[in-house]
PDB file of N, CA and C in Angstrom:
ATOM      1  N   UNK A   1     117.218 -80.403   8.674  1.00  0.00           N
ATOM      2  CA  UNK A   1     117.140 -81.841   8.508  1.00  0.00           C
ATOM      3  C   UNK A   1     118.100 -82.286   7.421  1.00  0.00           C
ATOM      4  N   UNK A   2     118.741 -83.428   7.630  1.00  0.00           N
ATOM      5  CA  UNK A   2     119.729 -83.925   6.683  1.00  0.00           C
ATOM      6  C   UNK A   2     119.036 -84.407   5.416  1.00  0.00           C
ATOM      7  N   UNK A   3     119.704 -84.191   4.274  1.00  0.00           N
ATOM      8  CA  UNK A   3     119.114 -84.684   3.036  1.00  0.00           C
ATOM      9  C   UNK A   3     119.335 -86.197   2.912  1.00  0.00           C
ATOM     10  N   UNK A   4     118.725 -86.803   1.918  1.00  0.00           N
ATOM     11  CA  UNK A   4     118.738 -88.256   1.751  1.00  0.00           C
ATOM     12  C   UNK A   4     120.160 -88.788   1.556  1.00  0.00           C
ATOM     13  N   UNK A   5     120.976 -88.110   0.766  1.00  0.00           N
ATOM     14  CA  UNK A   5     122.344 -88.571   0.524  1.00  0.00           C
ATOM     15  C   UNK A   5     123.148 -88.592   1.820  1.00  0.00           C
ATOM     16  N   UNK A   6     122.959 -87.595   2.656  1.00  0.00           N
ATOM     17  CA  UNK A   6     123.656 -87.536   3.935  1.00  0.00           C
ATOM     18  C   UNK A   6     123.207 -88.670   4.843  1.00  0.00           C
ATOM     19  N   UNK A   7     121.920 -88.959   4.851  1.00  0.00           N
ATOM     20  CA  UNK A   7     121.402 -90.056   5.670  1.00  0.00           C
ATOM     21  C   UNK A   7     121.995 -91.394   5.231  1.00  0.00           C
ATOM     22  N   UNK A   8     122.092 -91.601   3.902  1.00  0.00           N
ATOM     23  CA  UNK A   8     122.680 -92.840   3.402  1.00  0.00           C
ATOM     24  C   UNK A   8     124.158 -92.925   3.767  1.00  0.00           C
ATOM     25  N   UNK A   9     124.870 -91.812   3.669  1.00  0.00           N
ATOM     26  CA  UNK A   9     126.291 -91.791   4.026  1.00  0.00           C
ATOM     27  C   UNK A   9     126.479 -92.076   5.511  1.00  0.00           C
ATOM     28  N   UNK A  10     125.612 -91.510   6.349  1.00  0.00           N
ATOM     29  CA  UNK A  10     125.700 -91.741   7.795  1.00  0.00           C
ATOM     30  C   UNK A  10     125.427 -93.206   8.121  1.00  0.00           C
ATOM     31  N   UNK A  11     124.450 -93.811   7.458  1.00  0.00           N
ATOM     32  CA  UNK A  11     124.131 -95.221   7.674  1.00  0.00           C
ATOM     33  C   UNK A  11     125.293 -96.089   7.202  1.00  0.00           C
ATOM     34  N   UNK A  12     125.849 -95.776   6.051  1.00  0.00           N
ATOM     35  CA  UNK A  12     126.993 -96.534   5.539  1.00  0.00           C
ATOM     36  C   UNK A  12     128.163 -96.417   6.498  1.00  0.00           C
ATOM     37  N   UNK A  13     128.436 -95.213   6.973  1.00  0.00           N
ATOM     38  CA  UNK A  13     129.539 -95.018   7.911  1.00  0.00           C
ATOM     39  C   UNK A  13     129.319 -95.821   9.190  1.00  0.00           C
ATOM     40  N   UNK A  14     128.110 -95.827   9.699  1.00  0.00           N
ATOM     41  CA  UNK A  14     127.811 -96.615  10.907  1.00  0.00           C
ATOM     42  C   UNK A  14     128.045 -98.106  10.641  1.00  0.00           C
ATOM     43  N   UNK A  15     127.650 -98.583   9.467  1.00  0.00           N
ATOM     44  CA  UNK A  15     127.864 -99.989   9.117  1.00  0.00           C
ATOM     45  C   UNK A  15     129.356-100.297   8.983  1.00  0.00           C
ATOM     46  N   UNK A  16     130.102 -99.382   8.389  1.00  0.00           N
ATOM     47  CA  UNK A  16     131.553 -99.564   8.248  1.00  0.00           C
ATOM     48  C   UNK A  16     132.214 -99.575   9.621  1.00  0.00           C
ATOM     49  N   UNK A  17     131.828 -98.632  10.476  1.00  0.00           N
ATOM     50  CA  UNK A  17     132.422 -98.563  11.819  1.00  0.00           C
ATOM     51  C   UNK A  17     132.181 -99.870  12.576  1.00  0.00           C
ATOM     52  N   UNK A  18     130.977-100.427  12.464  1.00  0.00           N
ATOM     53  CA  UNK A  18     130.671-101.702  13.122  1.00  0.00           C
ATOM     54  C   UNK A  18     131.539-102.817  12.537  1.00  0.00           C
ATOM     55  N   UNK A  19     131.684-102.825  11.233  1.00  0.00           N
ATOM     56  CA  UNK A  19     132.504-103.839  10.558  1.00  0.00           C
ATOM     57  C   UNK A  19     133.963-103.732  11.018  1.00  0.00           C
ATOM     58  N   UNK A  20     134.477-102.515  11.065  1.00  0.00           N
ATOM     59  CA  UNK A  20     135.863-102.309  11.493  1.00  0.00           C
ATOM     60  C   UNK A  20     136.056-102.750  12.937  1.00  0.00           C
ATOM     61  N   UNK A  21     135.080-102.472  13.768  1.00  0.00           N
ATOM     62  CA  UNK A  21     135.155-102.885  15.165  1.00  0.00           C
ATOM     63  C   UNK A  21     135.188-104.406  15.291  1.00  0.00           C
ATOM     64  N   UNK A  22     134.396-105.079  14.487  1.00  0.00           N
ATOM     65  CA  UNK A  22     134.336-106.543  14.531  1.00  0.00           C
ATOM     66  C   UNK A  22     135.585-107.203  13.961  1.00  0.00           C
ATOM     67  N   UNK A  23     136.186-106.569  12.963  1.00  0.00           N
ATOM     68  CA  UNK A  23     137.329-107.187  12.283  1.00  0.00           C
ATOM     69  C   UNK A  23     138.685-106.717  12.791  1.00  0.00           C
ATOM     70  N   UNK A  24     138.723-105.514  13.358  1.00  0.00           N
ATOM     71  CA  UNK A  24     140.003-104.947  13.753  1.00  0.00           C
ATOM     72  C   UNK A  24     140.795-104.409  12.566  1.00  0.00           C
ATOM     73  N   UNK A  25     140.148-104.329  11.413  1.00  0.00           N
ATOM     74  CA  UNK A  25     140.800-103.846  10.198  1.00  0.00           C
ATOM     75  C   UNK A  25     141.027-102.338  10.297  1.00  0.00           C
ATOM     76  N   UNK A  26     142.147-101.857   9.779  1.00  0.00           N
ATOM     77  CA  UNK A  26     142.408-100.417   9.792  1.00  0.00           C
ATOM     78  C   UNK A  26     141.535 -99.724   8.749  1.00  0.00           C
ATOM     79  N   UNK A  27     141.299 -98.435   8.958  1.00  0.00           N
ATOM     80  CA  UNK A  27     140.428 -97.714   8.035  1.00  0.00           C
ATOM     81  C   UNK A  27     141.037 -97.601   6.644  1.00  0.00           C
ATOM     82  N   UNK A  28     142.350 -97.404   6.558  1.00  0.00           N
ATOM     83  CA  UNK A  28     142.962 -97.263   5.237  1.00  0.00           C
ATOM     84  C   UNK A  28     142.959 -98.591   4.478  1.00  0.00           C
ATOM     85  N   UNK A  29     143.226 -99.696   5.182  1.00  0.00           N
ATOM     86  CA  UNK A  29     143.207-101.009   4.543  1.00  0.00           C
ATOM     87  C   UNK A  29     141.792-101.348   4.076  1.00  0.00           C
ATOM     88  N   UNK A  30     140.797-101.051   4.908  1.00  0.00           N
ATOM     89  CA  UNK A  30     139.412-101.286   4.521  1.00  0.00           C
ATOM     90  C   UNK A  30     139.080-100.504   3.251  1.00  0.00           C
ATOM     91  N   UNK A  31     139.434 -99.241   3.228  1.00  0.00           N
ATOM     92  CA  UNK A  31     139.151 -98.414   2.055  1.00  0.00           C
ATOM     93  C   UNK A  31     139.810 -98.947   0.795  1.00  0.00           C
ATOM     94  N   UNK A  32     141.078 -99.364   0.925  1.00  0.00           N
ATOM     95  CA  UNK A  32     141.789 -99.924  -0.231  1.00  0.00           C
ATOM     96  C   UNK A  32     141.119-101.190  -0.726  1.00  0.00           C
ATOM     97  N   UNK A  33     140.779-102.084   0.197  1.00  0.00           N
ATOM     98  CA  UNK A  33     140.194-103.372  -0.181  1.00  0.00           C
ATOM     99  C   UNK A  33     138.771-103.230  -0.725  1.00  0.00           C
ATOM    100  N   UNK A  34     137.982-102.367  -0.125  1.00  0.00           N
ATOM    101  CA  UNK A  34     136.566-102.297  -0.489  1.00  0.00           C
ATOM    102  C   UNK A  34     136.276-101.374  -1.664  1.00  0.00           C
ATOM    103  N   UNK A  35     137.051-100.303  -1.801  1.00  0.00           N
ATOM    104  CA  UNK A  35     136.723 -99.305  -2.823  1.00  0.00           C
ATOM    105  C   UNK A  35     137.935 -98.754  -3.557  1.00  0.00           C
ATOM    106  N   UNK A  36     139.102 -99.358  -3.312  1.00  0.00           N
ATOM    107  CA  UNK A  36     140.347 -98.883  -3.933  1.00  0.00           C
ATOM    108  C   UNK A  36     140.620 -97.412  -3.604  1.00  0.00           C
ATOM    109  N   UNK A  37     140.268 -97.048  -2.350  1.00  0.00           N
ATOM    110  CA  UNK A  37     140.435 -95.663  -1.910  1.00  0.00           C
ATOM    111  C   UNK A  37     140.759 -95.663  -0.424  1.00  0.00           C
ATOM    112  N   UNK A  38     142.026 -95.508  -0.090  1.00  0.00           N
ATOM    113  CA  UNK A  38     142.445 -95.564   1.317  1.00  0.00           C
ATOM    114  C   UNK A  38     141.877 -94.420   2.152  1.00  0.00           C
ATOM    115  N   UNK A  39     141.372 -93.377   1.527  1.00  0.00           N
ATOM    116  CA  UNK A  39     140.808 -92.222   2.232  1.00  0.00           C
ATOM    117  C   UNK A  39     139.293 -92.315   2.411  1.00  0.00           C
ATOM    118  N   UNK A  40     138.681 -93.406   1.983  1.00  0.00           N
ATOM    119  CA  UNK A  40     137.232 -93.534   1.996  1.00  0.00           C
ATOM    120  C   UNK A  40     136.618 -93.253   3.361  1.00  0.00           C
ATOM    121  N   UNK A  41     137.064 -93.948   4.388  1.00  0.00           N
ATOM    122  CA  UNK A  41     136.455 -93.806   5.716  1.00  0.00           C
ATOM    123  C   UNK A  41     136.687 -92.397   6.255  1.00  0.00           C
ATOM    124  N   UNK A  42     137.870 -91.872   6.078  1.00  0.00           N
ATOM    125  CA  UNK A  42     138.163 -90.505   6.532  1.00  0.00           C
ATOM    126  C   UNK A  42     137.215 -89.509   5.872  1.00  0.00           C
ATOM    127  N   UNK A  43     136.995 -89.673   4.588  1.00  0.00           N
ATOM    128  CA  UNK A  43     136.099 -88.756   3.873  1.00  0.00           C
ATOM    129  C   UNK A  43     134.659 -88.873   4.370  1.00  0.00           C
ATOM    130  N   UNK A  44     134.216 -90.105   4.618  1.00  0.00           N
ATOM    131  CA  UNK A  44     132.868 -90.278   5.161  1.00  0.00           C
ATOM    132  C   UNK A  44     132.765 -89.651   6.550  1.00  0.00           C
ATOM    133  N   UNK A  45     133.805 -89.837   7.359  1.00  0.00           N
ATOM    134  CA  UNK A  45     133.811 -89.232   8.701  1.00  0.00           C
ATOM    135  C   UNK A  45     133.778 -87.720   8.628  1.00  0.00           C
ATOM    136  N   UNK A  46     134.354 -87.159   7.568  1.00  0.00           N
ATOM    137  CA  UNK A  46     134.354 -85.707   7.370  1.00  0.00           C
ATOM    138  C   UNK A  46     133.032 -85.206   6.786  1.00  0.00           C
ATOM    139  N   UNK A  47     132.090 -86.135   6.541  1.00  0.00           N
ATOM    140  CA  UNK A  47     130.785 -85.747   6.034  1.00  0.00           C
ATOM    141  C   UNK A  47     130.686 -85.623   4.533  1.00  0.00           C
ATOM    142  N   UNK A  48     131.692 -86.103   3.830  1.00  0.00           N
ATOM    143  CA  UNK A  48     131.665 -86.004   2.378  1.00  0.00           C
ATOM    144  C   UNK A  48     130.884 -87.173   1.787  1.00  0.00           C
ATOM    145  N   UNK A  49     130.068 -86.923   0.787  1.00  0.00           N
ATOM    146  CA  UNK A  49     129.264 -87.990   0.176  1.00  0.00           C
ATOM    147  C   UNK A  49     130.115 -88.859  -0.754  1.00  0.00           C
ATOM    148  N   UNK A  50     129.581 -90.034  -1.073  1.00  0.00           N
ATOM    149  CA  UNK A  50     130.232 -90.898  -2.056  1.00  0.00           C
ATOM    150  C   UNK A  50     129.210 -91.286  -3.110  1.00  0.00           C
ATOM    151  N   UNK A  51     129.686 -91.767  -4.222  1.00  0.00           N
ATOM    152  CA  UNK A  51     128.788 -92.161  -5.306  1.00  0.00           C
ATOM    153  C   UNK A  51     128.107 -93.481  -4.969  1.00  0.00           C
ATOM    154  N   UNK A  52     126.951 -93.693  -5.551  1.00  0.00           N
ATOM    155  CA  UNK A  52     126.170 -94.896  -5.253  1.00  0.00           C
ATOM    156  C   UNK A  52     126.896 -96.173  -5.664  1.00  0.00           C
ATOM    157  N   UNK A  53     127.667 -96.137  -6.747  1.00  0.00           N
ATOM    158  CA  UNK A  53     128.395 -97.342  -7.152  1.00  0.00           C
ATOM    159  C   UNK A  53     129.503 -97.668  -6.153  1.00  0.00           C
ATOM    160  N   UNK A  54     130.102 -96.658  -5.553  1.00  0.00           N
ATOM    161  CA  UNK A  54     131.117 -96.886  -4.522  1.00  0.00           C
ATOM    162  C   UNK A  54     130.467 -97.493  -3.282  1.00  0.00           C
ATOM    163  N   UNK A  55     129.324 -96.961  -2.898  1.00  0.00           N
ATOM    164  CA  UNK A  55     128.614 -97.517  -1.747  1.00  0.00           C
ATOM    165  C   UNK A  55     128.291 -98.994  -1.992  1.00  0.00           C
ATOM    166  N   UNK A  56     127.856 -99.324  -3.204  1.00  0.00           N
ATOM    167  CA  UNK A  56     127.517-100.710  -3.504  1.00  0.00           C
ATOM    168  C   UNK A  56     128.742-101.615  -3.407  1.00  0.00           C
ATOM    169  N   UNK A  57     129.892-101.136  -3.913  1.00  0.00           N
ATOM    170  CA  UNK A  57     131.133-101.928  -3.818  1.00  0.00           C
ATOM    171  C   UNK A  57     131.508-102.170  -2.365  1.00  0.00           C
ATOM    172  N   UNK A  58     131.370-101.142  -1.523  1.00  0.00           N
ATOM    173  CA  UNK A  58     131.697-101.260  -0.100  1.00  0.00           C
ATOM    174  C   UNK A  58     130.764-102.264   0.570  1.00  0.00           C
ATOM    175  N   UNK A  59     129.480-102.154   0.307  1.00  0.00           N
ATOM    176  CA  UNK A  59     128.513-103.080   0.907  1.00  0.00           C
ATOM    177  C   UNK A  59     128.740-104.514   0.422  1.00  0.00           C
ATOM    178  N   UNK A  60     129.065-104.674  -0.858  1.00  0.00           N
ATOM    179  CA  UNK A  60     129.374-106.006  -1.391  1.00  0.00           C
ATOM    180  C   UNK A  60     130.604-106.584  -0.699  1.00  0.00           C
ATOM    181  N   UNK A  61     131.612-105.748  -0.493  1.00  0.00           N
ATOM    182  CA  UNK A  61     132.825-106.210   0.193  1.00  0.00           C
ATOM    183  C   UNK A  61     132.490-106.697   1.596  1.00  0.00           C
ATOM    184  N   UNK A  62     131.722-105.915   2.355  1.00  0.00           N
ATOM    185  CA  UNK A  62     131.392-106.302   3.729  1.00  0.00           C
ATOM    186  C   UNK A  62     130.537-107.573   3.752  1.00  0.00           C
ATOM    187  N   UNK A  63     129.662-107.717   2.772  1.00  0.00           N
ATOM    188  CA  UNK A  63     128.801-108.895   2.712  1.00  0.00           C
ATOM    189  C   UNK A  63     129.609-110.158   2.382  1.00  0.00           C
ATOM    190  N   UNK A  64     130.605-110.026   1.500  1.00  0.00           N
ATOM    191  CA  UNK A  64     131.382-111.192   1.053  1.00  0.00           C
ATOM    192  C   UNK A  64     132.592-111.478   1.929  1.00  0.00           C
ATOM    193  N   UNK A  65     132.958-110.563   2.785  1.00  0.00           N
ATOM    194  CA  UNK A  65     134.107-110.728   3.684  1.00  0.00           C
ATOM    195  C   UNK A  65     133.631-110.566   5.118  1.00  0.00           C
ATOM    196  N   UNK A  66     132.798-111.489   5.533  1.00  0.00           N
ATOM    197  CA  UNK A  66     132.227-111.441   6.885  1.00  0.00           C
ATOM    198  C   UNK A  66     133.334-111.560   7.924  1.00  0.00           C
ATOM    199  N   UNK A  67     133.173-110.848   9.048  1.00  0.00           N
ATOM    200  CA  UNK A  67     134.162-110.970  10.132  1.00  0.00           C
ATOM    201  C   UNK A  67     134.180-112.400  10.664  1.00  0.00           C
ATOM    202  N   UNK A  68     135.352-112.891  10.937  1.00  0.00           N
ATOM    203  CA  UNK A  68     135.485-114.213  11.535  1.00  0.00           C
ATOM    204  C   UNK A  68     135.262-114.109  13.032  1.00  0.00           C
ATOM    205  N   UNK A  69     134.737-115.172  13.603  1.00  0.00           N
ATOM    206  CA  UNK A  69     134.561-115.207  15.057  1.00  0.00           C
ATOM    207  C   UNK A  69     135.934-115.249  15.708  1.00  0.00           C
ATOM    208  N   UNK A  70     136.056-114.586  16.836  1.00  0.00           N
ATOM    209  CA  UNK A  70     137.327-114.612  17.556  1.00  0.00           C
ATOM    210  C   UNK A  70     137.598-116.024  18.047  1.00  0.00           C
ATOM    211  N   UNK A  71     138.837-116.321  18.374  1.00  0.00           N
ATOM    212  CA  UNK A  71     139.193-117.656  18.860  1.00  0.00           C
ATOM    213  C   UNK A  71     138.437-117.998  20.131  1.00  0.00           C
ATOM    214  N   UNK A  72     138.210-117.009  21.003  1.00  0.00           N
ATOM    215  CA  UNK A  72     137.470-117.252  22.238  1.00  0.00           C
ATOM    216  C   UNK A  72     136.037-117.663  21.906  1.00  0.00           C
ATOM    217  N   UNK A  73     135.409-116.982  20.960  1.00  0.00           N
ATOM    218  CA  UNK A  73     134.045-117.320  20.585  1.00  0.00           C
ATOM    219  C   UNK A  73     133.992-118.686  19.901  1.00  0.00           C
ATOM    220  N   UNK A  74     135.018-119.023  19.112  1.00  0.00           N
ATOM    221  CA  UNK A  74     135.062-120.321  18.467  1.00  0.00           C
ATOM    222  C   UNK A  74     135.178-121.414  19.520  1.00  0.00           C
ATOM    223  N   UNK A  75     135.977-121.189  20.543  1.00  0.00           N
ATOM    224  CA  UNK A  75     136.148-122.174  21.608  1.00  0.00           C
ATOM    225  C   UNK A  75     134.839-122.370  22.365  1.00  0.00           C
ATOM    226  N   UNK A  76     134.141-121.266  22.654  1.00  0.00           N
ATOM    227  CA  UNK A  76     132.855-121.354  23.359  1.00  0.00           C
ATOM    228  C   UNK A  76     131.855-122.156  22.527  1.00  0.00           C
ATOM    229  N   UNK A  77     131.815-121.904  21.230  1.00  0.00           N
ATOM    230  CA  UNK A  77     130.878-122.601  20.368  1.00  0.00           C
ATOM    231  C   UNK A  77     131.213-124.087  20.288  1.00  0.00           C
ATOM    232  N   UNK A  78     132.493-124.417  20.301  1.00  0.00           N
ATOM    233  CA  UNK A  78     132.914-125.809  20.231  1.00  0.00           C
ATOM    234  C   UNK A  78     132.514-126.565  21.509  1.00  0.00           C
ATOM    235  N   UNK A  79     132.492-125.870  22.640  1.00  0.00           N
ATOM    236  CA  UNK A  79     132.131-126.498  23.911  1.00  0.00           C
ATOM    237  C   UNK A  79     130.637-126.795  24.004  1.00  0.00           C
ATOM    238  N   UNK A  80     129.826-126.076  23.225  1.00  0.00           N
ATOM    239  CA  UNK A  80     128.366-126.280  23.278  1.00  0.00           C
ATOM    240  C   UNK A  80     128.017-127.468  22.505  1.00  0.00           C
TER     241      UNK A  80
END
């Protein structure tokens, strides 16, 4: 069974992957912007843990930089 740190890293990675999918942001750019570490996502994908303060910075970045709706979704919303 995975330890607690691994579970948190897996959850963080899943949240990052969803964020990247929604934004189209590259993994290196995300790492630089969120944690000043372009290798962040690669390291998480490799199963390496990160410090709790780094996780908090990443989560704060995703919370404060919400993905914008695509132009198609904006058009649909405007029609309603």
